[in-house]
Amino acid sequence: MPSTTTILIIEDDMSLLETIKLYIEREGMRCLTANKGTDGIAIVQRCCPDLVVLDIMLPDINGFELCQQVRSAQCFIPILMLTARAQESDRLQGLTVGADDYLTKPFSAKELIARIKSLLRRAYQNGYCDVKRARGVVIDRESRQAYLNGEMLELRGKEFDLLAQLAQHPGRAYTREELLERVWGYDFEGDVRIVDVYIRKLRERIELNSSHPEYIQTVWGVGYRFKVSDV
């Protein structure tokens, strides 16, 4: 499981939301939060977190409907539902609309974290990690195809590899040396400036204006990063 795992918490009880956030961050994972269903859906679309912790009772749309919307968009992020209702019918409804697991309040920190880690392990074993989504970019490592807002990107070998590496950890700044090792391999004997050449090629294919990049950004004194969207 990567150290930059991102968990989205959708919960309208701010006290509980902050408690869950604390539990998850103690495990070294990053948290995004929303206290409304519509805000949560927007974050899923922009950031594609690794897992969603979803309360059923939300002020605008209920968790069942939100879960159904996520699944109808062919998004297979693991979803852990939270509820104060222990009826079997609620649990079955949640699983029917696409939830992967169901946790009844109150719950312990240990149980919450154990279930999150179990769902993440299952997702990675099933190949969910082969597809990365970030800011409208979809990268399928198995087919080696990439899309931007639904349109296929015409990327050549190392262009695809470079985009996949940067988008794998949005917001992380990579040095040229790191990118050279991860994309070209440890035995590559060429000039490190080949990274700059391929960054330029990648920007020409993905950016609306390659002179003012919105996706692949230069981090002065370090290298490059895939920009995290504002949430």
Protein backbone atom coordinates (compact mmCIF):
# COMPACT_ATOMS: atom_id res chain seq x y z
CA MET A 1 0.00 0.00 0.00
CA PRO A 2 1.61 3.33 -1.00
CA SER A 3 2.51 5.82 1.72
CA THR A 4 0.54 8.53 -0.08
CA THR A 5 -2.80 6.74 0.22
CA THR A 6 -5.62 9.29 0.21
CA ILE A 7 -8.87 8.71 2.11
CA LEU A 8 -11.99 10.83 1.59
CA ILE A 9 -14.26 11.16 4.64
CA ILE A 10 -17.85 12.26 3.96
CA GLU A 11 -19.50 12.90 7.32
CA ASP A 12 -21.76 15.75 8.50
CA ASP A 13 -20.96 15.31 12.21
CA MET A 14 -17.89 17.55 12.40
CA SER A 15 -16.72 16.12 15.72
CA LEU A 16 -16.82 12.57 14.38
CA LEU A 17 -15.27 13.66 11.09
CA GLU A 18 -12.28 15.17 12.90
CA THR A 19 -11.93 12.06 15.06
CA ILE A 20 -11.91 9.76 12.03
CA LYS A 21 -9.45 12.07 10.29
CA LEU A 22 -7.13 11.87 13.30
CA TYR A 23 -7.28 8.06 13.35
CA ILE A 24 -6.45 7.82 9.65
CA GLU A 25 -3.66 10.41 9.67
CA ARG A 26 -2.00 8.56 12.54
CA GLU A 27 -1.58 5.69 10.08
CA GLY A 28 0.33 7.93 7.69
CA MET A 29 -2.51 8.38 5.22
CA ARG A 30 -3.72 11.67 3.75
CA CYS A 31 -7.31 12.80 4.35
CA LEU A 32 -9.77 14.84 2.32
CA THR A 33 -13.06 15.78 3.99
CA ALA A 34 -16.59 16.82 3.07
CA ASN A 35 -19.70 17.30 5.21
CA LYS A 36 -22.15 17.22 2.30
CA GLY A 37 -22.76 14.56 -0.29
CA THR A 38 -22.52 16.92 -3.25
CA ASP A 39 -19.14 18.19 -2.03
CA GLY A 40 -17.99 14.61 -1.62
CA ILE A 41 -18.95 13.67 -5.18
CA ALA A 42 -17.07 16.71 -6.50
CA ILE A 43 -13.93 15.63 -4.63
CA VAL A 44 -14.22 12.08 -5.96
CA GLN A 45 -14.44 13.43 -9.51
CA ARG A 46 -11.48 15.80 -9.10
CA CYS A 47 -9.12 13.77 -6.96
CA CYS A 48 -10.14 10.10 -7.14
CA PRO A 49 -9.11 9.13 -3.58
CA ASP A 50 -8.02 5.59 -2.79
CA LEU A 51 -10.99 4.94 -0.49
CA VAL A 52 -14.15 6.71 0.72
CA VAL A 53 -15.50 6.59 4.27
CA LEU A 54 -19.16 7.50 3.78
CA ASP A 55 -21.86 8.31 6.32
CA ILE A 56 -25.38 7.32 5.26
CA MET A 57 -27.22 10.24 6.88
CA LEU A 58 -26.09 13.40 5.10
CA PRO A 59 -27.89 16.77 4.94
CA ASP A 60 -28.37 16.91 1.16
CA ILE A 61 -28.32 13.42 -0.35
CA ASN A 62 -28.13 10.16 1.56
CA GLY A 63 -25.16 7.86 1.41
CA PHE A 64 -27.03 5.20 -0.56
CA GLU A 65 -27.73 7.64 -3.39
CA LEU A 66 -24.18 8.98 -3.33
CA CYS A 67 -22.75 5.49 -3.50
CA GLN A 68 -25.00 4.68 -6.44
CA GLN A 69 -23.88 7.83 -8.28
CA VAL A 70 -20.23 6.94 -7.80
CA ARG A 71 -20.75 3.40 -9.10
CA SER A 72 -22.90 4.49 -12.05
CA ALA A 73 -19.95 6.62 -13.19
CA GLN A 74 -17.86 3.42 -13.42
CA CYS A 75 -15.76 4.51 -10.46
CA PHE A 76 -14.65 1.53 -8.39
CA ILE A 77 -13.08 3.27 -5.40
CA PRO A 78 -13.57 1.16 -2.25
CA ILE A 79 -16.42 2.56 -0.14
CA LEU A 80 -16.82 1.96 3.60
CA MET A 81 -20.27 3.02 4.82
CA LEU A 82 -20.90 4.32 8.33
CA THR A 83 -24.30 4.36 9.99
CA ALA A 84 -25.98 4.60 13.37
CA ARG A 85 -28.63 2.17 12.13
CA ALA A 86 -27.88 -1.49 12.73
CA GLN A 87 -30.80 -3.03 10.82
CA GLU A 88 -29.86 -5.79 8.40
CA SER A 89 -32.00 -4.15 5.70
CA ASP A 90 -29.81 -1.02 5.78
CA ARG A 91 -26.66 -3.08 5.55
CA LEU A 92 -28.02 -5.05 2.61
CA GLN A 93 -29.14 -1.87 0.86
CA GLY A 94 -25.68 -0.37 1.23
CA LEU A 95 -24.00 -3.45 -0.18
CA THR A 96 -26.55 -3.64 -2.99
CA VAL A 97 -25.85 -0.08 -4.22
CA GLY A 98 -22.11 -0.73 -4.28
CA ALA A 99 -20.60 -0.27 -0.81
CA ASP A 100 -17.69 -2.62 -0.09
CA ASP A 101 -18.11 -2.76 3.68
CA TYR A 102 -20.40 -1.47 6.41
CA LEU A 103 -19.52 -0.23 9.91
CA THR A 104 -22.09 0.56 12.60
CA LYS A 105 -21.59 3.45 15.03
CA PRO A 106 -20.15 3.56 17.60
CA PHE A 107 -16.96 1.87 16.48
CA SER A 108 -13.39 1.70 17.74
CA ALA A 109 -10.39 3.26 16.05
CA LYS A 110 -8.82 -0.19 15.69
CA GLU A 111 -11.84 -1.62 13.88
CA LEU A 112 -12.13 1.37 11.55
CA ILE A 113 -8.46 1.24 10.57
CA ALA A 114 -8.51 -2.56 10.20
CA ARG A 115 -11.45 -2.37 7.79
CA ILE A 116 -9.88 0.47 5.80
CA LYS A 117 -6.62 -1.45 5.41
CA SER A 118 -8.46 -4.62 4.46
CA LEU A 119 -10.40 -2.81 1.72
CA LEU A 120 -7.24 -1.18 0.40
CA ARG A 121 -5.39 -4.50 0.28
CA ARG A 122 -8.27 -6.08 -1.60
CA ALA A 123 -8.40 -3.17 -4.06
CA TYR A 124 -4.68 -3.41 -4.84
CA GLN A 125 -4.81 -7.20 -5.17
CA ASN A 126 -7.72 -6.89 -7.60
CA GLY A 127 -5.78 -4.48 -9.79
CA TYR A 128 -7.65 -1.27 -8.95
CA CYS A 129 -4.27 0.42 -8.59
CA ASP A 130 -3.62 -0.30 -12.29
CA VAL A 131 -5.97 2.58 -13.11
CA LYS A 132 -5.15 6.03 -11.75
CA ARG A 133 -7.52 8.98 -11.93
CA ALA A 134 -6.51 12.54 -11.11
CA ARG A 135 -8.00 15.87 -12.20
CA GLY A 136 -9.77 14.48 -15.25
CA VAL A 137 -6.77 12.37 -16.25
CA VAL A 138 -7.29 8.60 -16.37
CA ILE A 139 -4.23 6.38 -16.71
CA ASP A 140 -4.63 2.66 -17.36
CA ARG A 141 -1.26 1.01 -16.85
CA GLU A 142 -2.37 -2.38 -18.13
CA SER A 143 -3.56 -1.10 -21.51
CA ARG A 144 -1.02 1.76 -21.48
CA GLN A 145 -3.70 4.24 -22.45
CA ALA A 146 -4.36 7.67 -20.96
CA TYR A 147 -7.36 9.95 -21.26
CA LEU A 148 -7.99 13.61 -20.50
CA ASN A 149 -11.63 14.53 -19.85
CA GLY A 150 -12.70 11.44 -21.78
CA GLU A 151 -10.45 12.05 -24.79
CA MET A 152 -7.63 9.60 -25.47
CA LEU A 153 -4.15 11.13 -25.27
CA GLU A 154 -1.69 10.15 -27.99
CA LEU A 155 1.31 9.35 -25.80
CA ARG A 156 4.46 7.50 -26.79
CA GLY A 157 6.26 5.04 -24.52
CA LYS A 158 8.27 7.24 -22.16
CA GLU A 159 5.67 10.02 -22.31
CA PHE A 160 3.10 7.60 -20.90
CA ASP A 161 5.52 6.29 -18.27
CA LEU A 162 6.44 9.81 -17.19
CA LEU A 163 2.81 10.91 -16.86
CA ALA A 164 1.93 7.73 -14.96
CA GLN A 165 4.79 8.28 -12.52
CA LEU A 166 3.94 11.93 -11.84
CA ALA A 167 0.19 11.31 -11.52
CA GLN A 168 0.69 8.32 -9.24
CA HIS A 169 1.43 10.74 -6.38
CA PRO A 170 -0.19 14.12 -7.17
CA GLY A 171 1.47 17.02 -5.40
CA ARG A 172 4.76 15.23 -4.83
CA ALA A 173 7.80 16.98 -6.28
CA TYR A 174 10.22 14.65 -8.08
CA THR A 175 13.80 15.53 -8.85
CA ARG A 176 15.07 14.90 -12.36
CA GLU A 177 17.29 12.13 -10.98
CA GLU A 178 14.30 10.38 -9.38
CA LEU A 179 12.29 10.54 -12.59
CA LEU A 180 15.26 9.30 -14.60
CA GLU A 181 15.64 6.26 -12.33
CA ARG A 182 11.91 5.46 -12.16
CA VAL A 183 11.06 6.01 -15.84
CA TRP A 184 14.30 5.24 -17.72
CA GLY A 185 15.82 2.82 -15.21
CA TYR A 186 18.96 2.67 -13.11
CA ASP A 187 21.11 1.53 -16.02
CA PHE A 188 20.29 4.53 -18.23
CA GLU A 189 23.55 6.27 -19.15
CA GLY A 190 22.24 9.33 -20.98
CA ASP A 191 21.97 12.95 -19.88
CA VAL A 192 19.56 13.77 -17.04
CA ARG A 193 18.25 16.63 -19.19
CA ILE A 194 16.30 14.09 -21.23
CA VAL A 195 13.71 14.45 -18.45
CA ASP A 196 13.23 18.11 -19.41
CA VAL A 197 12.84 17.12 -23.07
CA TYR A 198 10.08 14.65 -22.27
CA ILE A 199 8.36 17.01 -19.84
CA ARG A 200 8.14 19.50 -22.70
CA LYS A 201 6.71 16.83 -25.03
CA LEU A 202 4.21 15.74 -22.38
CA ARG A 203 3.05 19.30 -21.79
CA GLU A 204 2.49 19.78 -25.51
CA ARG A 205 0.13 16.81 -25.46
CA ILE A 206 -1.73 17.41 -22.21
CA GLU A 207 -1.74 21.15 -21.51
CA LEU A 208 -4.09 23.68 -23.07
CA ASN A 209 -1.18 26.14 -23.01
CA SER A 210 2.16 24.43 -22.50
CA SER A 211 3.76 27.77 -21.58
CA HIS A 212 1.43 28.02 -18.57
CA PRO A 213 0.98 24.41 -17.46
CA GLU A 214 -1.96 23.46 -15.25
CA TYR A 215 -1.05 19.80 -14.78
CA ILE A 216 2.71 19.26 -15.01
CA GLN A 217 4.33 22.01 -12.96
CA THR A 218 7.94 22.99 -12.46
CA VAL A 219 9.06 23.10 -8.84
CA TRP A 220 11.99 25.49 -8.92
CA GLY A 221 15.15 24.08 -7.38
CA VAL A 222 13.63 20.58 -7.23
CA GLY A 223 12.06 19.25 -10.42
CA TYR A 224 8.48 18.54 -11.45
CA ARG A 225 5.12 17.56 -9.99
CA PHE A 226 1.58 16.74 -11.06
CA LYS A 227 -0.48 19.51 -9.50
CA VAL A 228 -3.06 18.58 -6.89
CA SER A 229 -6.42 20.22 -7.58
CA ASP A 230 -7.80 22.68 -5.06
CA VAL A 231 -10.46 21.07 -2.88
